[in-house]
Amino acid sequence: MIFSLFRRSQPKQDTISVLYGMIVAQARLPVFYRDYAVADTVNGRFDLIVLHLALVMDRLMADPATQSLGQGVFDLFCRDMDDNLREMGISDLKVPKEMRRMGEAFYGRSQAYLNAIPAALEPGDGARALIEALTRNIYGGAPSGHAAAPRLAAYMLEAVRELKAQETASLAAGTLRFPDPSAISSAPV
């Protein structure tokens, strides 16, 4: 009991679960699959979770007060992906290889998105790199992605603005707000 006074404060598992649940719930909104032309497949759903997780992780890791919370959310994502692979029937011997592949996909996609966002937030044609990253990663380079990617880029930029505006205390308490994807116009602003 006394030792708890000397431990670093760890984020509550409930808060981590709530934040991760909000990320997954947002990524599973039907509007993304219906109006944004994201494939309603295991890969399409994974890609949208990664997109939202990357944005939230960037926000949480930017503030020292929420960094441990960000790590907890990422750890829960990894456990969730591991559990999902096992539920899908991936053998115990293949799970580590698939987890490595998913980790590489997460880091590659997040880096592409987060590197492109600062230029996309500037007025002008700065969203091109973000649109290309979305076309490549979410839409697999398909022609239909070229039409839908600008709207998804606009949604991402609005989500970045929304996340930056949220107070640290609110995030630490397990409150997370995303923009309404159905209210986003078809081009980044």
N, C-alpha and C. Protein backbone atom coordinates (compact mmCIF):
# COMPACT_ATOMS: atom_id res chain seq x y z
N MET A 1 0.81 -1.18 0.00
CA MET A 1 0.00 0.00 0.00
C MET A 1 0.87 1.26 0.00
N ILE A 2 1.88 1.30 0.82
CA ILE A 2 2.75 2.46 0.88
C ILE A 2 3.56 2.62 -0.41
N PHE A 3 3.84 1.50 -1.08
CA PHE A 3 4.64 1.56 -2.30
C PHE A 3 3.93 2.30 -3.42
N SER A 4 2.62 2.35 -3.37
CA SER A 4 1.88 3.07 -4.41
C SER A 4 2.20 4.57 -4.39
N LEU A 5 2.67 5.06 -3.25
CA LEU A 5 3.03 6.47 -3.17
C LEU A 5 4.29 6.80 -3.97
N PHE A 6 5.13 5.77 -4.21
CA PHE A 6 6.40 5.99 -4.88
C PHE A 6 6.37 5.64 -6.36
N ARG A 7 5.31 5.08 -6.83
CA ARG A 7 5.19 4.73 -8.24
C ARG A 7 4.80 5.94 -9.06
N ARG A 8 5.25 5.91 -10.30
CA ARG A 8 4.77 6.94 -11.23
C ARG A 8 3.29 6.72 -11.44
N SER A 9 2.57 7.80 -11.62
CA SER A 9 1.15 7.60 -11.84
C SER A 9 0.94 7.02 -13.23
N GLN A 10 0.24 5.94 -13.27
CA GLN A 10 -0.07 5.26 -14.52
C GLN A 10 -1.51 5.61 -14.91
N PRO A 11 -1.76 5.79 -16.20
CA PRO A 11 -3.14 6.08 -16.59
C PRO A 11 -4.03 4.89 -16.24
N LYS A 12 -5.23 5.21 -15.90
CA LYS A 12 -6.18 4.15 -15.56
C LYS A 12 -6.52 3.34 -16.79
N GLN A 13 -6.60 2.04 -16.60
CA GLN A 13 -6.93 1.15 -17.71
C GLN A 13 -8.31 1.48 -18.28
N ASP A 14 -9.23 1.95 -17.42
CA ASP A 14 -10.56 2.32 -17.90
C ASP A 14 -10.48 3.47 -18.91
N THR A 15 -9.66 4.46 -18.62
CA THR A 15 -9.50 5.61 -19.51
C THR A 15 -8.91 5.16 -20.84
N ILE A 16 -7.92 4.30 -20.77
CA ILE A 16 -7.28 3.78 -21.99
C ILE A 16 -8.30 3.02 -22.82
N SER A 17 -9.08 2.18 -22.18
CA SER A 17 -10.10 1.40 -22.89
C SER A 17 -11.15 2.30 -23.53
N VAL A 18 -11.55 3.33 -22.81
CA VAL A 18 -12.56 4.26 -23.34
C VAL A 18 -12.01 4.99 -24.56
N LEU A 19 -10.79 5.50 -24.47
CA LEU A 19 -10.19 6.21 -25.61
C LEU A 19 -10.04 5.29 -26.81
N TYR A 20 -9.54 4.09 -26.58
CA TYR A 20 -9.37 3.16 -27.70
C TYR A 20 -10.73 2.77 -28.28
N GLY A 21 -11.71 2.58 -27.43
CA GLY A 21 -13.06 2.26 -27.91
C GLY A 21 -13.63 3.37 -28.77
N MET A 22 -13.35 4.63 -28.42
CA MET A 22 -13.82 5.76 -29.22
C MET A 22 -13.12 5.80 -30.58
N ILE A 23 -11.84 5.46 -30.61
CA ILE A 23 -11.10 5.41 -31.87
C ILE A 23 -11.71 4.36 -32.78
N VAL A 24 -11.94 3.17 -32.24
CA VAL A 24 -12.50 2.07 -33.04
C VAL A 24 -13.92 2.41 -33.49
N ALA A 25 -14.72 2.97 -32.59
CA ALA A 25 -16.10 3.33 -32.95
C ALA A 25 -16.13 4.35 -34.08
N GLN A 26 -15.25 5.33 -34.02
CA GLN A 26 -15.20 6.35 -35.08
C GLN A 26 -14.78 5.70 -36.40
N ALA A 27 -13.80 4.83 -36.34
CA ALA A 27 -13.30 4.17 -37.57
C ALA A 27 -14.34 3.24 -38.18
N ARG A 28 -15.29 2.80 -37.41
CA ARG A 28 -16.29 1.86 -37.92
C ARG A 28 -17.59 2.54 -38.33
N LEU A 29 -17.63 3.85 -38.31
CA LEU A 29 -18.84 4.55 -38.75
C LEU A 29 -19.16 4.18 -40.20
N PRO A 30 -20.39 3.82 -40.48
CA PRO A 30 -20.76 3.41 -41.85
C PRO A 30 -20.50 4.47 -42.92
N VAL A 31 -20.50 5.76 -42.53
CA VAL A 31 -20.30 6.82 -43.50
C VAL A 31 -18.96 6.68 -44.23
N PHE A 32 -17.95 6.18 -43.56
CA PHE A 32 -16.64 6.02 -44.21
C PHE A 32 -16.70 4.97 -45.32
N TYR A 33 -17.47 3.94 -45.11
CA TYR A 33 -17.55 2.85 -46.09
C TYR A 33 -18.56 3.16 -47.19
N ARG A 34 -19.57 3.93 -46.83
CA ARG A 34 -20.61 4.28 -47.79
C ARG A 34 -20.24 5.51 -48.61
N ASP A 35 -19.88 6.60 -47.95
CA ASP A 35 -19.67 7.87 -48.63
C ASP A 35 -18.21 8.19 -48.96
N TYR A 36 -17.29 7.60 -48.24
CA TYR A 36 -15.87 7.87 -48.46
C TYR A 36 -15.21 6.76 -49.29
N ALA A 37 -15.97 5.77 -49.69
CA ALA A 37 -15.51 4.68 -50.56
C ALA A 37 -14.38 3.85 -49.97
N VAL A 38 -14.29 3.78 -48.64
CA VAL A 38 -13.31 2.89 -48.02
C VAL A 38 -13.87 1.48 -48.11
N ALA A 39 -13.04 0.54 -48.48
CA ALA A 39 -13.49 -0.85 -48.61
C ALA A 39 -13.93 -1.38 -47.25
N ASP A 40 -15.13 -1.95 -47.19
CA ASP A 40 -15.64 -2.52 -45.94
C ASP A 40 -15.11 -3.94 -45.81
N THR A 41 -13.81 -4.03 -45.59
CA THR A 41 -13.10 -5.30 -45.45
C THR A 41 -12.24 -5.24 -44.19
N VAL A 42 -11.61 -6.35 -43.86
CA VAL A 42 -10.70 -6.37 -42.72
C VAL A 42 -9.60 -5.32 -42.92
N ASN A 43 -9.04 -5.26 -44.12
CA ASN A 43 -7.98 -4.30 -44.39
C ASN A 43 -8.49 -2.86 -44.35
N GLY A 44 -9.66 -2.61 -44.90
CA GLY A 44 -10.23 -1.27 -44.88
C GLY A 44 -10.49 -0.80 -43.46
N ARG A 45 -11.01 -1.68 -42.64
CA ARG A 45 -11.28 -1.32 -41.24
C ARG A 45 -9.98 -1.09 -40.48
N PHE A 46 -8.99 -1.95 -40.73
CA PHE A 46 -7.68 -1.77 -40.11
C PHE A 46 -7.10 -0.41 -40.49
N ASP A 47 -7.17 -0.07 -41.77
CA ASP A 47 -6.61 1.20 -42.23
C ASP A 47 -7.27 2.40 -41.56
N LEU A 48 -8.58 2.34 -41.36
CA LEU A 48 -9.25 3.46 -40.69
C LEU A 48 -8.92 3.54 -39.21
N ILE A 49 -8.75 2.38 -38.58
CA ILE A 49 -8.32 2.40 -37.17
C ILE A 49 -6.93 3.02 -37.09
N VAL A 50 -6.03 2.61 -37.99
CA VAL A 50 -4.68 3.16 -38.00
C VAL A 50 -4.71 4.66 -38.22
N LEU A 51 -5.52 5.12 -39.15
CA LEU A 51 -5.63 6.55 -39.43
C LEU A 51 -6.03 7.32 -38.17
N HIS A 52 -7.09 6.87 -37.50
CA HIS A 52 -7.57 7.56 -36.30
C HIS A 52 -6.57 7.41 -35.15
N LEU A 53 -6.00 6.23 -35.00
CA LEU A 53 -5.03 6.01 -33.94
C LEU A 53 -3.81 6.91 -34.12
N ALA A 54 -3.34 7.05 -35.34
CA ALA A 54 -2.18 7.91 -35.60
C ALA A 54 -2.46 9.35 -35.19
N LEU A 55 -3.65 9.84 -35.49
CA LEU A 55 -4.00 11.22 -35.13
C LEU A 55 -4.08 11.39 -33.62
N VAL A 56 -4.72 10.44 -32.96
CA VAL A 56 -4.86 10.53 -31.50
C VAL A 56 -3.51 10.35 -30.82
N MET A 57 -2.71 9.40 -31.29
CA MET A 57 -1.38 9.19 -30.71
C MET A 57 -0.53 10.45 -30.85
N ASP A 58 -0.59 11.08 -32.00
CA ASP A 58 0.18 12.31 -32.22
C ASP A 58 -0.22 13.37 -31.19
N ARG A 59 -1.51 13.50 -30.95
CA ARG A 59 -1.99 14.48 -29.97
C ARG A 59 -1.57 14.12 -28.55
N LEU A 60 -1.71 12.84 -28.19
CA LEU A 60 -1.38 12.42 -26.83
C LEU A 60 0.12 12.50 -26.57
N MET A 61 0.93 12.13 -27.54
CA MET A 61 2.38 12.11 -27.36
C MET A 61 2.98 13.52 -27.39
N ALA A 62 2.25 14.49 -27.90
CA ALA A 62 2.74 15.87 -27.96
C ALA A 62 2.73 16.54 -26.59
N ASP A 63 1.98 16.00 -25.66
CA ASP A 63 1.85 16.60 -24.34
C ASP A 63 2.43 15.64 -23.29
N PRO A 64 3.44 16.05 -22.54
CA PRO A 64 4.04 15.16 -21.54
C PRO A 64 3.02 14.59 -20.55
N ALA A 65 1.96 15.33 -20.27
CA ALA A 65 0.95 14.88 -19.32
C ALA A 65 0.14 13.69 -19.83
N THR A 66 0.11 13.49 -21.15
CA THR A 66 -0.70 12.40 -21.70
C THR A 66 0.13 11.36 -22.45
N GLN A 67 1.45 11.44 -22.35
CA GLN A 67 2.29 10.48 -23.07
C GLN A 67 2.09 9.05 -22.59
N SER A 68 1.98 8.84 -21.29
CA SER A 68 1.77 7.48 -20.79
C SER A 68 0.40 6.97 -21.20
N LEU A 69 -0.55 7.86 -21.30
CA LEU A 69 -1.88 7.49 -21.79
C LEU A 69 -1.79 7.06 -23.25
N GLY A 70 -1.03 7.80 -24.05
CA GLY A 70 -0.82 7.44 -25.45
C GLY A 70 -0.17 6.08 -25.58
N GLN A 71 0.82 5.81 -24.75
CA GLN A 71 1.47 4.50 -24.79
C GLN A 71 0.48 3.40 -24.42
N GLY A 72 -0.35 3.67 -23.44
CA GLY A 72 -1.36 2.69 -23.03
C GLY A 72 -2.35 2.39 -24.14
N VAL A 73 -2.77 3.44 -24.87
CA VAL A 73 -3.70 3.25 -25.99
C VAL A 73 -3.03 2.42 -27.08
N PHE A 74 -1.77 2.72 -27.38
CA PHE A 74 -1.05 1.95 -28.40
C PHE A 74 -0.89 0.49 -27.97
N ASP A 75 -0.57 0.25 -26.71
CA ASP A 75 -0.43 -1.12 -26.22
C ASP A 75 -1.76 -1.88 -26.34
N LEU A 76 -2.86 -1.20 -26.04
CA LEU A 76 -4.17 -1.84 -26.18
C LEU A 76 -4.48 -2.15 -27.64
N PHE A 77 -4.11 -1.26 -28.55
CA PHE A 77 -4.26 -1.51 -29.98
C PHE A 77 -3.51 -2.79 -30.36
N CYS A 78 -2.29 -2.93 -29.89
CA CYS A 78 -1.50 -4.13 -30.21
C CYS A 78 -2.15 -5.39 -29.67
N ARG A 79 -2.63 -5.33 -28.43
CA ARG A 79 -3.32 -6.50 -27.86
C ARG A 79 -4.59 -6.83 -28.65
N ASP A 80 -5.32 -5.79 -29.04
CA ASP A 80 -6.55 -5.98 -29.81
C ASP A 80 -6.25 -6.62 -31.16
N MET A 81 -5.20 -6.15 -31.84
CA MET A 81 -4.84 -6.73 -33.14
C MET A 81 -4.41 -8.18 -32.96
N ASP A 82 -3.67 -8.48 -31.91
CA ASP A 82 -3.25 -9.86 -31.63
C ASP A 82 -4.48 -10.74 -31.41
N ASP A 83 -5.40 -10.26 -30.59
CA ASP A 83 -6.64 -11.01 -30.33
C ASP A 83 -7.44 -11.23 -31.61
N ASN A 84 -7.53 -10.20 -32.45
CA ASN A 84 -8.29 -10.33 -33.70
C ASN A 84 -7.65 -11.34 -34.64
N LEU A 85 -6.34 -11.34 -34.72
CA LEU A 85 -5.67 -12.33 -35.58
C LEU A 85 -5.98 -13.73 -35.11
N ARG A 86 -5.95 -13.95 -33.82
CA ARG A 86 -6.24 -15.28 -33.28
C ARG A 86 -7.70 -15.67 -33.52
N GLU A 87 -8.61 -14.70 -33.38
CA GLU A 87 -10.03 -14.97 -33.66
C GLU A 87 -10.27 -15.31 -35.12
N MET A 88 -9.46 -14.73 -36.00
CA MET A 88 -9.60 -14.99 -37.44
C MET A 88 -8.98 -16.34 -37.82
N GLY A 89 -8.35 -17.01 -36.86
CA GLY A 89 -7.82 -18.34 -37.13
C GLY A 89 -6.35 -18.36 -37.54
N ILE A 90 -5.64 -17.27 -37.37
CA ILE A 90 -4.21 -17.26 -37.66
C ILE A 90 -3.53 -18.12 -36.60
N SER A 91 -2.66 -18.99 -37.02
CA SER A 91 -2.02 -19.92 -36.08
C SER A 91 -1.06 -19.18 -35.16
N ASP A 92 -0.83 -19.78 -34.00
CA ASP A 92 0.06 -19.17 -33.02
C ASP A 92 1.45 -18.90 -33.59
N LEU A 93 1.89 -19.74 -34.50
CA LEU A 93 3.22 -19.55 -35.09
C LEU A 93 3.27 -18.39 -36.06
N LYS A 94 2.14 -18.06 -36.68
CA LYS A 94 2.11 -16.98 -37.66
C LYS A 94 1.73 -15.63 -37.06
N VAL A 95 1.16 -15.62 -35.86
CA VAL A 95 0.74 -14.36 -35.24
C VAL A 95 1.89 -13.36 -35.11
N PRO A 96 3.07 -13.76 -34.62
CA PRO A 96 4.16 -12.77 -34.52
C PRO A 96 4.53 -12.14 -35.87
N LYS A 97 4.55 -12.93 -36.92
CA LYS A 97 4.87 -12.41 -38.25
C LYS A 97 3.81 -11.41 -38.70
N GLU A 98 2.54 -11.73 -38.47
CA GLU A 98 1.45 -10.83 -38.84
C GLU A 98 1.46 -9.56 -37.99
N MET A 99 1.80 -9.71 -36.71
CA MET A 99 1.89 -8.53 -35.84
C MET A 99 3.02 -7.62 -36.30
N ARG A 100 4.12 -8.19 -36.71
CA ARG A 100 5.24 -7.38 -37.24
C ARG A 100 4.79 -6.64 -38.49
N ARG A 101 4.07 -7.35 -39.37
CA ARG A 101 3.56 -6.72 -40.59
C ARG A 101 2.59 -5.58 -40.26
N MET A 102 1.72 -5.80 -39.28
CA MET A 102 0.77 -4.76 -38.87
C MET A 102 1.50 -3.58 -38.23
N GLY A 103 2.53 -3.86 -37.44
CA GLY A 103 3.31 -2.78 -36.83
C GLY A 103 4.00 -1.94 -37.89
N GLU A 104 4.56 -2.59 -38.90
CA GLU A 104 5.20 -1.86 -39.99
C GLU A 104 4.18 -1.01 -40.75
N ALA A 105 2.99 -1.58 -40.95
CA ALA A 105 1.93 -0.83 -41.63
C ALA A 105 1.53 0.39 -40.80
N PHE A 106 1.38 0.20 -39.48
CA PHE A 106 1.02 1.32 -38.62
C PHE A 106 2.06 2.43 -38.70
N TYR A 107 3.32 2.06 -38.50
CA TYR A 107 4.37 3.09 -38.47
C TYR A 107 4.55 3.75 -39.84
N GLY A 108 4.48 2.98 -40.89
CA GLY A 108 4.62 3.57 -42.23
C GLY A 108 3.50 4.52 -42.56
N ARG A 109 2.27 4.09 -42.30
CA ARG A 109 1.12 4.94 -42.60
C ARG A 109 1.10 6.18 -41.72
N SER A 110 1.35 5.98 -40.39
CA SER A 110 1.32 7.15 -39.52
C SER A 110 2.38 8.16 -39.91
N GLN A 111 3.57 7.69 -40.26
CA GLN A 111 4.62 8.61 -40.66
C GLN A 111 4.23 9.36 -41.93
N ALA A 112 3.66 8.65 -42.89
CA ALA A 112 3.23 9.31 -44.14
C ALA A 112 2.17 10.37 -43.86
N TYR A 113 1.18 10.03 -43.03
CA TYR A 113 0.11 10.98 -42.73
C TYR A 113 0.64 12.18 -41.93
N LEU A 114 1.37 11.89 -40.87
CA LEU A 114 1.81 12.96 -39.98
C LEU A 114 2.84 13.87 -40.64
N ASN A 115 3.64 13.33 -41.55
CA ASN A 115 4.58 14.17 -42.29
C ASN A 115 3.87 15.09 -43.28
N ALA A 116 2.74 14.63 -43.82
CA ALA A 116 2.01 15.40 -44.83
C ALA A 116 1.05 16.42 -44.22
N ILE A 117 0.65 16.24 -42.99
CA ILE A 117 -0.37 17.11 -42.39
C ILE A 117 0.07 18.56 -42.25
N PRO A 118 1.29 18.87 -41.77
CA PRO A 118 1.64 20.30 -41.63
C PRO A 118 1.49 21.09 -42.92
N ALA A 119 1.95 20.55 -44.03
CA ALA A 119 1.80 21.27 -45.31
C ALA A 119 0.34 21.35 -45.71
N ALA A 120 -0.43 20.32 -45.42
CA ALA A 120 -1.85 20.30 -45.78
C ALA A 120 -2.64 21.33 -44.98
N LEU A 121 -2.17 21.66 -43.80
CA LEU A 121 -2.87 22.66 -42.98
C LEU A 121 -2.64 24.08 -43.48
N GLU A 122 -1.63 24.26 -44.31
CA GLU A 122 -1.34 25.58 -44.89
C GLU A 122 -2.26 25.85 -46.07
N PRO A 123 -2.60 27.11 -46.32
CA PRO A 123 -3.43 27.41 -47.49
C PRO A 123 -2.70 27.07 -48.78
N GLY A 124 -3.45 26.76 -49.80
CA GLY A 124 -2.86 26.43 -51.10
C GLY A 124 -2.98 24.96 -51.41
N ASP A 125 -2.01 24.47 -52.16
CA ASP A 125 -2.07 23.09 -52.64
C ASP A 125 -1.24 22.14 -51.78
N GLY A 126 -1.11 22.43 -50.50
CA GLY A 126 -0.28 21.63 -49.62
C GLY A 126 -0.84 20.27 -49.28
N ALA A 127 -2.10 20.02 -49.59
CA ALA A 127 -2.73 18.73 -49.23
C ALA A 127 -2.39 17.61 -50.20
N ARG A 128 -1.65 17.91 -51.26
CA ARG A 128 -1.36 16.90 -52.27
C ARG A 128 -0.67 15.66 -51.69
N ALA A 129 0.33 15.84 -50.83
CA ALA A 129 1.05 14.70 -50.25
C ALA A 129 0.13 13.85 -49.37
N LEU A 130 -0.76 14.51 -48.63
CA LEU A 130 -1.70 13.77 -47.79
C LEU A 130 -2.68 12.98 -48.66
N ILE A 131 -3.17 13.61 -49.70
CA ILE A 131 -4.10 12.92 -50.61
C ILE A 131 -3.42 11.73 -51.27
N GLU A 132 -2.18 11.90 -51.66
CA GLU A 132 -1.44 10.78 -52.27
C GLU A 132 -1.23 9.65 -51.27
N ALA A 133 -0.90 10.00 -50.03
CA ALA A 133 -0.71 8.97 -49.00
C ALA A 133 -2.01 8.21 -48.75
N LEU A 134 -3.13 8.92 -48.71
CA LEU A 134 -4.42 8.27 -48.51
C LEU A 134 -4.79 7.40 -49.71
N THR A 135 -4.54 7.91 -50.91
CA THR A 135 -4.85 7.14 -52.12
C THR A 135 -4.05 5.83 -52.11
N ARG A 136 -2.80 5.91 -51.74
CA ARG A 136 -1.92 4.74 -51.72
C ARG A 136 -2.30 3.76 -50.60
N ASN A 137 -2.54 4.28 -49.39
CA ASN A 137 -2.72 3.41 -48.23
C ASN A 137 -4.17 2.97 -48.01
N ILE A 138 -5.10 3.87 -48.10
CA ILE A 138 -6.50 3.53 -47.82
C ILE A 138 -7.17 2.91 -49.04
N TYR A 139 -6.85 3.47 -50.20
CA TYR A 139 -7.55 3.04 -51.42
C TYR A 139 -6.69 2.15 -52.31
N GLY A 140 -5.50 1.81 -51.89
CA GLY A 140 -4.65 0.90 -52.66
C GLY A 140 -4.31 1.42 -54.04
N GLY A 141 -4.33 2.73 -54.23
CA GLY A 141 -4.01 3.32 -55.52
C GLY A 141 -5.12 3.20 -56.55
N ALA A 142 -6.29 2.70 -56.14
CA ALA A 142 -7.40 2.50 -57.07
C ALA A 142 -7.94 3.84 -57.58
N PRO A 143 -8.43 3.87 -58.83
CA PRO A 143 -8.99 5.11 -59.38
C PRO A 143 -10.11 5.70 -58.52
N SER A 144 -10.92 4.85 -57.89
CA SER A 144 -11.99 5.38 -57.04
C SER A 144 -11.41 6.15 -55.85
N GLY A 145 -10.20 5.78 -55.44
CA GLY A 145 -9.55 6.47 -54.34
C GLY A 145 -9.17 7.89 -54.69
N HIS A 146 -8.87 8.13 -55.96
CA HIS A 146 -8.50 9.48 -56.37
C HIS A 146 -9.65 10.45 -56.17
N ALA A 147 -10.88 9.96 -56.31
CA ALA A 147 -12.05 10.81 -56.12
C ALA A 147 -12.39 10.98 -54.64
N ALA A 148 -12.19 9.93 -53.84
CA ALA A 148 -12.59 9.96 -52.44
C ALA A 148 -11.51 10.49 -51.50
N ALA A 149 -10.25 10.38 -51.89
CA ALA A 149 -9.15 10.78 -51.00
C ALA A 149 -9.18 12.25 -50.58
N PRO A 150 -9.54 13.19 -51.46
CA PRO A 150 -9.58 14.60 -51.00
C PRO A 150 -10.57 14.82 -49.85
N ARG A 151 -11.69 14.15 -49.90
CA ARG A 151 -12.67 14.31 -48.82
C ARG A 151 -12.13 13.70 -47.52
N LEU A 152 -11.48 12.54 -47.63
CA LEU A 152 -10.90 11.92 -46.44
C LEU A 152 -9.77 12.80 -45.89
N ALA A 153 -9.01 13.43 -46.77
CA ALA A 153 -7.96 14.36 -46.32
C ALA A 153 -8.58 15.54 -45.57
N ALA A 154 -9.68 16.06 -46.08
CA ALA A 154 -10.37 17.17 -45.41
C ALA A 154 -10.85 16.73 -44.03
N TYR A 155 -11.38 15.52 -43.95
CA TYR A 155 -11.81 14.98 -42.65
C TYR A 155 -10.63 14.89 -41.69
N MET A 156 -9.50 14.37 -42.17
CA MET A 156 -8.32 14.24 -41.31
C MET A 156 -7.86 15.59 -40.79
N LEU A 157 -7.83 16.58 -41.65
CA LEU A 157 -7.38 17.90 -41.23
C LEU A 157 -8.32 18.50 -40.18
N GLU A 158 -9.60 18.28 -40.36
CA GLU A 158 -10.57 18.75 -39.37
C GLU A 158 -10.38 17.99 -38.05
N ALA A 159 -10.09 16.69 -38.14
CA ALA A 159 -9.85 15.89 -36.93
C ALA A 159 -8.60 16.39 -36.20
N VAL A 160 -7.56 16.74 -36.94
CA VAL A 160 -6.34 17.28 -36.32
C VAL A 160 -6.67 18.57 -35.58
N ARG A 161 -7.43 19.45 -36.21
CA ARG A 161 -7.81 20.71 -35.57
C ARG A 161 -8.64 20.45 -34.30
N GLU A 162 -9.57 19.52 -34.42
CA GLU A 162 -10.44 19.17 -33.29
C GLU A 162 -9.62 18.60 -32.14
N LEU A 163 -8.69 17.70 -32.43
CA LEU A 163 -7.87 17.09 -31.39
C LEU A 163 -6.96 18.12 -30.72
N LYS A 164 -6.39 19.03 -31.51
CA LYS A 164 -5.51 20.06 -30.94
C LYS A 164 -6.29 20.99 -30.01
N ALA A 165 -7.57 21.21 -30.31
CA ALA A 165 -8.38 22.12 -29.51
C ALA A 165 -8.84 21.49 -28.19
N GLN A 166 -8.73 20.19 -28.07
CA GLN A 166 -9.20 19.52 -26.86
C GLN A 166 -8.20 19.72 -25.73
N GLU A 167 -8.71 20.00 -24.56
CA GLU A 167 -7.87 20.23 -23.40
C GLU A 167 -7.24 18.93 -22.93
N THR A 168 -6.03 19.03 -22.42
CA THR A 168 -5.30 17.87 -21.92
C THR A 168 -6.08 17.17 -20.82
N ALA A 169 -6.65 17.93 -19.91
CA ALA A 169 -7.41 17.33 -18.80
C ALA A 169 -8.59 16.53 -19.32
N SER A 170 -9.22 17.02 -20.36
CA SER A 170 -10.35 16.31 -20.95
C SER A 170 -9.90 14.99 -21.57
N LEU A 171 -8.79 15.02 -22.28
CA LEU A 171 -8.26 13.79 -22.86
C LEU A 171 -7.87 12.80 -21.76
N ALA A 172 -7.21 13.30 -20.73
CA ALA A 172 -6.77 12.44 -19.62
C ALA A 172 -7.95 11.83 -18.88
N ALA A 173 -9.10 12.48 -18.97
CA ALA A 173 -10.31 11.96 -18.32
C ALA A 173 -11.06 10.97 -19.23
N GLY A 174 -10.58 10.79 -20.44
CA GLY A 174 -11.20 9.82 -21.33
C GLY A 174 -12.21 10.40 -22.30
N THR A 175 -12.13 11.69 -22.54
CA THR A 175 -13.05 12.33 -23.48
C THR A 175 -12.29 12.61 -24.77
N LEU A 176 -12.87 12.19 -25.87
CA LEU A 176 -12.24 12.35 -27.17
C LEU A 176 -13.32 12.75 -28.15
N ARG A 177 -13.06 13.80 -28.92
CA ARG A 177 -14.05 14.26 -29.90
C ARG A 177 -13.44 14.22 -31.29
N PHE A 178 -14.21 13.67 -32.21
CA PHE A 178 -13.86 13.67 -33.63
C PHE A 178 -14.92 14.47 -34.37
N PRO A 179 -14.58 15.03 -35.53
CA PRO A 179 -15.60 15.72 -36.32
C PRO A 179 -16.59 14.71 -36.91
N ASP A 180 -17.74 15.20 -37.28
CA ASP A 180 -18.75 14.38 -37.95
C ASP A 180 -18.32 14.20 -39.41
N PRO A 181 -17.98 12.98 -39.83
CA PRO A 181 -17.50 12.80 -41.20
C PRO A 181 -18.52 13.13 -42.27
N SER A 182 -19.81 13.04 -41.95
CA SER A 182 -20.83 13.35 -42.95
C SER A 182 -20.95 14.85 -43.19
N ALA A 183 -20.37 15.67 -42.29
CA ALA A 183 -20.45 17.11 -42.45
C ALA A 183 -19.23 17.71 -43.15
N ILE A 184 -18.32 16.88 -43.60
CA ILE A 184 -17.07 17.36 -44.21
C ILE A 184 -17.27 17.51 -45.72
N SER A 185 -16.78 18.64 -46.23
CA SER A 185 -16.89 18.87 -47.68
C SER A 185 -15.92 17.97 -48.44
N SER A 186 -15.94 18.06 -49.74
CA SER A 186 -15.17 17.12 -50.56
C SER A 186 -13.73 17.52 -50.79
N ALA A 187 -13.26 18.63 -50.27
CA ALA A 187 -11.88 19.02 -50.51
C ALA A 187 -11.29 19.65 -49.26
N PRO A 188 -9.99 19.48 -49.03
CA PRO A 188 -9.37 20.09 -47.85
C PRO A 188 -9.45 21.61 -47.92
N VAL A 189 -9.64 22.20 -46.75
CA VAL A 189 -9.71 23.65 -46.67
C VAL A 189 -8.56 24.17 -45.84
